[in-house]
Amino acid sequence: MKASRVTLADIARRAGVSRTAVSYALRDDSNIAAATRARIRKAADELGYRPDPVLAKLMAHLHAGRGRRYAGKLAFLNVHEERDYWLKTAALADFRRNAEARAAELGYGAEEFWLHEPGRSPRRLAQMLIARGIRGLVVGSTGRHGSVVDFPWAKFAAVTVGYSVETPSLHRVVTHHYRNTRLALRKVTAAGYSRIGFIATRQAEAAMENLHLAAFLAYQQEIGETARVPALICAGNDAGELRHWFEMNRPEVILSPSFSLEHLESAGLRVPGEVAFATLLLWDADGGMAGVRPGYERLGAAAVNLLVAQLQHDDYGVPADPKIVQVEGRWCDGSSLPSIGHAHSTDFK
């Protein structure tokens, strides 16, 4: 005989609460105290409760279109030494707009706080946030790889963007640099190029965990030796070093996450007349440049989704198992990378 489905009323009787309280608790609604939510979830587990997916879909449809009630406020925590770093950095500005839009959809407001505000310690800032009922932090970039951010994390849920904040190891959202590079390699080979060069500054590439370089070196193992062009990893955007590397190797196209078209032109390289070019971090898709839009304009929503999930489960403090959510970029054609005829055959993906 098939066992009857466990109902909300069954759970309510076991937990000693109302059916409405059970409904709210199983949705992790903050109107129900955290301890009560935990008790109700425990009762549900003991009874073997499993939600009805058809009913859940119906309820989601019924609630669609209703305005989100105010769920609280999230903090954008600027951990850079510069107060206006969020505004002046193109990637973070895109990220911030996208994150604020997603937060609003979920019923959250947002406010920025600067970690290095003169006369205010990190502990004092934490007390201020708690007093305002803010428990969720979107942590910005320090602009430097391997950074340590001193803050009392225990009472907060947090998500950081990029790889700069190394300690503590928080949940983070990043653009998928490795797959973005593979995407660019597929596009340039499809456009007919076979001698592909890669250039980057040492500092910028380290800040992205050397993932662009890793993808390029993996690609080189998949092609013939005669088509391989040694990567140029240098201390800065040195025009002389770039020109010398070009003369020695004569690539047909150059990929880079940290050199710009202006850097190539300052080295006396004509683009696309002498060499084609595609950037792996394309911020302005309207400028005629070919390359990969890295996805920061979509990364903010991913950060807010991850943060709100923590808040709904009262998941505070430095995580034991930090998650990394990666968002893939999108290719944009441009005049800096004209097609040169039939694509070269390639097996790499």
Protein backbone atom coordinates (compact mmCIF):
# COMPACT_ATOMS: atom_id res chain seq x y z
CA MET A 1 0.00 0.00 0.00
CA LYS A 2 1.39 3.37 -1.02
CA ALA A 3 2.19 5.69 1.92
CA SER A 4 0.25 8.95 1.99
CA ARG A 5 2.13 12.16 1.27
CA VAL A 6 3.27 14.12 4.32
CA THR A 7 1.38 17.44 4.45
CA LEU A 8 2.13 20.84 5.94
CA ALA A 9 -0.53 20.12 8.57
CA ASP A 10 1.38 16.97 9.63
CA ILE A 11 4.54 19.01 10.08
CA ALA A 12 2.66 21.74 11.96
CA ARG A 13 1.32 19.18 14.47
CA ARG A 14 4.78 17.67 14.97
CA ALA A 15 6.46 21.07 15.45
CA GLY A 16 3.62 22.63 17.47
CA VAL A 17 3.15 25.59 15.14
CA SER A 18 0.58 26.80 12.64
CA ARG A 19 0.37 25.54 9.06
CA THR A 20 1.18 29.07 7.87
CA ALA A 21 4.38 29.07 9.93
CA VAL A 22 5.38 25.79 8.31
CA SER A 23 4.78 27.24 4.85
CA TYR A 24 6.94 30.26 5.61
CA ALA A 25 9.67 28.23 7.30
CA LEU A 26 10.05 25.80 4.41
CA ARG A 27 10.58 28.81 2.14
CA ASP A 28 13.24 30.14 4.56
CA ASP A 29 11.18 33.28 5.12
CA SER A 30 12.90 35.60 7.61
CA ASN A 31 9.54 36.48 9.17
CA ILE A 32 9.93 33.19 11.08
CA ALA A 33 12.68 33.14 13.71
CA ALA A 34 15.76 31.16 12.73
CA ALA A 35 15.36 28.76 15.68
CA THR A 36 11.73 28.10 14.76
CA ARG A 37 12.64 27.54 11.13
CA ALA A 38 15.26 25.01 12.20
CA ARG A 39 12.73 23.19 14.43
CA ILE A 40 10.19 23.04 11.62
CA ARG A 41 12.74 21.78 9.10
CA LYS A 42 13.81 19.11 11.58
CA ALA A 43 10.19 18.00 12.01
CA ALA A 44 9.77 17.88 8.23
CA ASP A 45 12.90 15.74 7.87
CA GLU A 46 11.76 13.35 10.59
CA LEU A 47 8.43 12.86 8.85
CA GLY A 48 10.11 12.33 5.49
CA TYR A 49 8.48 15.39 3.91
CA ARG A 50 9.22 16.01 0.24
CA PRO A 51 7.78 19.05 -1.57
CA ASP A 52 5.38 18.44 -4.44
CA PRO A 53 7.19 19.83 -7.54
CA VAL A 54 3.93 20.34 -9.45
CA LEU A 55 2.43 22.33 -6.58
CA ALA A 56 5.64 24.33 -6.15
CA LYS A 57 5.59 25.27 -9.82
CA LEU A 58 1.94 26.29 -9.56
CA MET A 59 2.59 28.49 -6.51
CA ALA A 60 5.53 30.14 -8.27
CA HIS A 61 3.23 30.91 -11.19
CA LEU A 62 0.54 32.33 -8.90
CA HIS A 63 3.07 34.59 -7.18
CA ALA A 64 4.66 35.72 -10.45
CA GLY A 65 4.08 39.37 -11.16
CA ARG A 66 3.46 40.30 -7.55
CA GLY A 67 5.77 42.94 -6.21
CA ARG A 68 8.59 41.70 -4.04
CA ARG A 69 8.26 42.73 -0.43
CA TYR A 70 11.23 44.55 1.10
CA ALA A 71 13.64 41.86 2.33
CA GLY A 72 16.36 44.05 3.83
CA LYS A 73 19.56 45.63 2.67
CA LEU A 74 22.84 44.33 1.31
CA ALA A 75 26.19 46.10 1.65
CA PHE A 76 28.69 46.68 -1.13
CA LEU A 77 31.94 46.57 0.80
CA ASN A 78 34.68 48.55 -0.94
CA VAL A 79 37.96 47.04 0.31
CA HIS A 80 40.21 49.06 -2.00
CA GLU A 81 42.34 51.92 -0.68
CA GLU A 82 40.53 54.32 -3.02
CA ARG A 83 37.06 55.45 -2.00
CA ASP A 84 35.72 55.66 -5.57
CA TYR A 85 37.26 52.42 -6.88
CA TRP A 86 33.83 50.91 -7.65
CA LEU A 87 33.00 53.89 -9.89
CA LYS A 88 36.29 54.33 -11.77
CA THR A 89 36.85 50.65 -12.61
CA ALA A 90 34.83 49.60 -15.67
CA ALA A 91 34.49 45.94 -14.65
CA LEU A 92 33.26 46.75 -11.15
CA ALA A 93 30.90 49.47 -12.39
CA ASP A 94 29.22 46.90 -14.68
CA PHE A 95 29.19 44.36 -11.88
CA ARG A 96 27.69 46.84 -9.41
CA ARG A 97 24.82 47.89 -11.71
CA ASN A 98 23.93 44.28 -12.42
CA ALA A 99 24.11 43.31 -8.74
CA GLU A 100 21.90 46.21 -7.64
CA ALA A 101 19.30 45.33 -10.28
CA ARG A 102 19.18 41.71 -9.15
CA ALA A 103 19.04 42.71 -5.48
CA ALA A 104 16.05 44.94 -6.21
CA GLU A 105 14.29 42.05 -7.98
CA LEU A 106 14.71 39.98 -4.83
CA GLY A 107 13.46 42.76 -2.57
CA TYR A 108 16.81 44.01 -1.26
CA GLY A 109 18.17 47.52 -1.12
CA ALA A 110 21.91 48.16 -1.37
CA GLU A 111 24.34 50.60 0.16
CA GLU A 112 28.10 51.02 -0.23
CA PHE A 113 30.53 51.13 2.69
CA TRP A 114 34.25 51.83 2.52
CA LEU A 115 36.39 49.57 4.69
CA HIS A 116 39.13 52.20 5.00
CA GLU A 117 36.96 55.09 6.15
CA PRO A 118 39.24 57.29 8.31
CA GLY A 119 38.53 57.00 12.03
CA ARG A 120 36.43 53.81 11.69
CA SER A 121 37.86 50.38 12.36
CA PRO A 122 36.61 47.21 10.63
CA ARG A 123 35.10 46.11 13.96
CA ARG A 124 33.21 49.39 14.30
CA LEU A 125 31.93 49.05 10.74
CA ALA A 126 30.71 45.53 11.53
CA GLN A 127 28.82 46.82 14.56
CA MET A 128 27.25 49.56 12.44
CA LEU A 129 26.09 47.06 9.83
CA ILE A 130 24.59 44.73 12.43
CA ALA A 131 22.76 47.67 14.02
CA ARG A 132 21.23 48.46 10.62
CA GLY A 133 20.20 44.85 10.09
CA ILE A 134 22.70 44.30 7.27
CA ARG A 135 24.11 40.78 7.25
CA GLY A 136 24.97 40.27 3.56
CA LEU A 137 28.19 41.64 2.05
CA VAL A 138 29.21 41.90 -1.60
CA VAL A 139 32.97 42.32 -1.25
CA GLY A 140 34.78 44.20 -3.99
CA SER A 141 38.25 43.78 -5.42
CA THR A 142 41.44 45.08 -3.83
CA GLY A 143 43.04 45.37 -7.26
CA ARG A 144 45.97 43.23 -6.05
CA HIS A 145 46.38 39.48 -6.16
CA GLY A 146 46.82 37.63 -2.87
CA SER A 147 45.16 40.28 -0.69
CA VAL A 148 44.23 39.78 2.96
CA VAL A 149 41.10 41.59 4.14
CA ASP A 150 40.82 42.10 7.88
CA PHE A 151 37.16 42.12 8.95
CA PRO A 152 35.10 40.32 11.64
CA TRP A 153 33.27 37.94 9.28
CA ALA A 154 31.55 35.68 11.82
CA LYS A 155 28.12 37.37 11.74
CA PHE A 156 28.00 38.01 7.99
CA ALA A 157 27.34 36.17 4.76
CA ALA A 158 29.75 37.31 2.06
CA VAL A 159 30.58 36.90 -1.62
CA THR A 160 33.58 38.48 -3.31
CA VAL A 161 34.22 39.22 -6.97
CA GLY A 162 37.34 38.06 -8.77
CA TYR A 163 40.46 36.49 -7.31
CA SER A 164 42.10 39.41 -5.51
CA VAL A 165 40.80 38.61 -2.00
CA GLU A 166 42.74 35.48 -1.09
CA THR A 167 42.36 35.57 2.70
CA PRO A 168 39.85 34.77 3.99
CA SER A 169 38.67 32.28 1.39
CA LEU A 170 35.14 33.49 0.70
CA HIS A 171 32.54 32.35 -1.80
CA ARG A 172 33.39 34.16 -5.04
CA VAL A 173 32.05 34.89 -8.50
CA VAL A 174 34.47 35.21 -11.39
CA THR A 175 34.52 35.43 -15.15
CA HIS A 176 35.63 32.15 -16.73
CA HIS A 177 39.02 33.32 -18.00
CA TYR A 178 40.11 29.87 -19.16
CA ARG A 179 37.03 29.14 -21.27
CA ASN A 180 36.95 32.73 -22.52
CA THR A 181 40.46 32.26 -23.89
CA ARG A 182 39.46 28.98 -25.52
CA LEU A 183 36.52 30.80 -27.08
CA ALA A 184 38.85 33.45 -28.53
CA LEU A 185 41.19 30.79 -29.90
CA ARG A 186 38.30 29.08 -31.66
CA LYS A 187 37.18 32.38 -33.18
CA VAL A 188 40.59 33.44 -34.49
CA THR A 189 41.30 30.02 -36.01
CA ALA A 190 37.84 30.07 -37.59
CA ALA A 191 38.78 33.45 -39.11
CA GLY A 192 41.76 31.80 -40.83
CA TYR A 193 44.69 32.52 -38.50
CA SER A 194 47.23 29.86 -37.54
CA ARG A 195 50.16 31.69 -35.91
CA ILE A 196 48.56 33.02 -32.77
CA GLY A 197 50.52 35.03 -30.21
CA PHE A 198 49.67 35.77 -26.60
CA ILE A 199 50.98 38.74 -24.58
CA ALA A 200 50.23 39.84 -21.02
CA THR A 201 51.74 41.69 -18.12
CA ARG A 202 52.94 39.52 -15.26
CA GLN A 203 50.93 41.39 -12.62
CA ALA A 204 47.65 41.38 -14.52
CA GLU A 205 47.88 37.72 -15.43
CA ALA A 206 48.75 36.71 -11.86
CA ALA A 207 45.63 38.58 -10.67
CA MET A 208 43.56 36.23 -12.85
CA GLU A 209 45.32 33.08 -11.63
CA ASN A 210 47.27 32.80 -14.92
CA LEU A 211 44.16 31.27 -16.49
CA HIS A 212 44.48 33.01 -19.86
CA LEU A 213 48.05 31.79 -20.13
CA ALA A 214 47.06 28.27 -19.05
CA ALA A 215 44.45 28.05 -21.80
CA PHE A 216 46.91 29.36 -24.40
CA LEU A 217 49.62 26.87 -23.39
CA ALA A 218 47.10 24.01 -23.48
CA TYR A 219 46.13 25.08 -27.00
CA GLN A 220 49.78 25.06 -28.08
CA GLN A 221 50.06 21.40 -27.13
CA GLU A 222 47.28 20.65 -29.60
CA ILE A 223 48.88 22.24 -32.67
CA GLY A 224 52.03 21.60 -34.68
CA GLU A 225 55.33 22.96 -33.37
CA THR A 226 55.87 25.17 -36.40
CA ALA A 227 52.67 27.10 -35.64
CA ARG A 228 53.56 27.72 -32.00
CA VAL A 229 54.41 31.25 -30.95
CA PRO A 230 56.03 31.71 -27.52
CA ALA A 231 53.93 33.75 -25.11
CA LEU A 232 55.25 37.13 -24.01
CA ILE A 233 54.81 37.72 -20.26
CA CYS A 234 56.49 40.96 -19.25
CA ALA A 235 56.75 43.32 -16.30
CA GLY A 236 54.81 46.12 -17.99
CA ASN A 237 53.43 47.40 -21.28
CA ASP A 238 56.91 47.87 -22.74
CA ALA A 239 56.73 48.97 -26.40
CA GLY A 240 60.33 47.98 -27.16
CA GLU A 241 59.95 44.50 -25.67
CA LEU A 242 56.70 44.00 -27.55
CA ARG A 243 58.24 45.08 -30.87
CA HIS A 244 61.25 42.80 -30.38
CA TRP A 245 58.99 39.82 -29.59
CA PHE A 246 56.91 40.54 -32.68
CA GLU A 247 59.93 40.77 -34.98
CA MET A 248 61.33 37.50 -33.63
CA ASN A 249 58.08 35.53 -33.95
CA ARG A 250 55.86 37.24 -36.54
CA PRO A 251 52.44 36.14 -35.26
CA GLU A 252 49.45 36.67 -37.55
CA VAL A 253 47.21 37.65 -34.65
CA ILE A 254 47.76 38.66 -31.04
CA LEU A 255 45.51 37.85 -28.07
CA SER A 256 45.87 39.74 -24.81
CA PRO A 257 43.98 40.45 -21.58
CA SER A 258 46.19 43.38 -20.55
CA PHE A 259 47.66 45.04 -23.67
CA SER A 260 45.42 47.41 -25.61
CA LEU A 261 45.30 48.49 -29.24
CA GLU A 262 47.09 51.67 -28.19
CA HIS A 263 49.96 49.63 -26.71
CA LEU A 264 50.39 47.76 -30.01
CA GLU A 265 50.33 51.00 -31.98
CA SER A 266 52.91 52.56 -29.65
CA ALA A 267 55.19 49.63 -30.55
CA GLY A 268 54.78 50.58 -34.22
CA LEU A 269 52.43 47.72 -35.08
CA ARG A 270 49.65 48.44 -37.57
CA VAL A 271 46.35 46.76 -36.66
CA PRO A 272 44.97 45.01 -38.64
CA GLY A 273 47.34 45.80 -41.52
CA GLU A 274 50.44 44.22 -39.99
CA VAL A 275 48.88 42.00 -37.33
CA ALA A 276 45.33 41.24 -36.22
CA PHE A 277 44.34 41.71 -32.59
CA ALA A 278 41.66 40.52 -30.16
CA THR A 279 41.35 41.40 -26.51
CA LEU A 280 40.36 38.86 -23.87
CA LEU A 281 38.83 41.60 -21.69
CA LEU A 282 36.60 43.69 -23.92
CA TRP A 283 34.75 46.43 -22.03
CA ASP A 284 33.40 48.51 -24.91
CA ALA A 285 31.67 46.37 -27.53
CA ASP A 286 30.96 49.40 -29.74
CA GLY A 287 34.52 50.43 -30.48
CA GLY A 288 35.26 48.11 -33.41
CA MET A 289 37.55 45.91 -31.34
CA ALA A 290 37.23 42.13 -31.57
CA GLY A 291 37.34 40.15 -28.36
CA VAL A 292 35.55 38.57 -25.43
CA ARG A 293 33.09 40.48 -23.29
CA PRO A 294 34.03 38.84 -19.96
CA GLY A 295 30.55 38.95 -18.44
CA TYR A 296 30.86 41.37 -15.53
CA GLU A 297 27.55 42.87 -16.63
CA ARG A 298 26.05 39.45 -15.69
CA LEU A 299 28.34 38.56 -12.82
CA GLY A 300 26.60 40.83 -10.30
CA ALA A 301 23.36 38.84 -10.47
CA ALA A 302 25.29 35.64 -9.82
CA ALA A 303 26.88 37.23 -6.75
CA VAL A 304 23.54 38.37 -5.33
CA ASN A 305 21.93 34.98 -5.96
CA LEU A 306 24.75 33.27 -4.09
CA LEU A 307 24.62 35.79 -1.25
CA VAL A 308 20.84 35.65 -0.78
CA ALA A 309 20.99 31.85 -0.66
CA GLN A 310 23.40 32.16 2.28
CA LEU A 311 21.14 34.63 4.05
CA GLN A 312 18.11 32.40 3.60
CA HIS A 313 19.95 29.53 5.26
CA ASP A 314 21.55 31.62 8.05
CA ASP A 315 24.92 30.67 6.62
CA TYR A 316 27.30 33.14 8.23
CA GLY A 317 31.05 33.37 8.65
CA VAL A 318 33.98 32.19 6.55
CA PRO A 319 32.75 29.09 4.69
CA ALA A 320 34.33 25.70 5.30
CA ASP A 321 33.85 24.85 1.62
CA PRO A 322 33.97 28.08 -0.42
CA LYS A 323 32.22 28.00 -3.78
CA ILE A 324 33.37 29.58 -7.03
CA VAL A 325 30.65 30.54 -9.52
CA GLN A 326 32.03 31.17 -13.01
CA VAL A 327 30.25 33.12 -15.75
CA GLU A 328 31.35 32.62 -19.34
CA GLY A 329 32.09 35.53 -21.64
CA ARG A 330 30.64 36.26 -25.07
CA TRP A 331 32.51 36.88 -28.29
CA CYS A 332 32.22 40.14 -30.22
CA ASP A 333 33.42 40.52 -33.81
CA GLY A 334 35.38 43.63 -34.70
CA SER A 335 37.48 45.27 -37.38
CA SER A 336 40.71 44.48 -35.51
CA LEU A 337 40.25 40.83 -36.55
CA PRO A 338 39.28 40.58 -40.22
CA SER A 339 38.70 37.16 -41.74
CA ILE A 340 41.58 36.03 -43.96
CA GLY A 341 39.81 33.27 -45.85
CA HIS A 342 39.10 29.64 -45.18
CA ALA A 343 39.42 28.57 -41.58
CA HIS A 344 42.30 26.34 -40.61
CA SER A 345 41.16 22.92 -39.50
CA THR A 346 41.52 22.33 -35.79
CA ASP A 347 40.42 19.69 -33.33
CA PHE A 348 40.69 21.72 -30.15
CA LYS A 349 37.50 22.71 -28.30
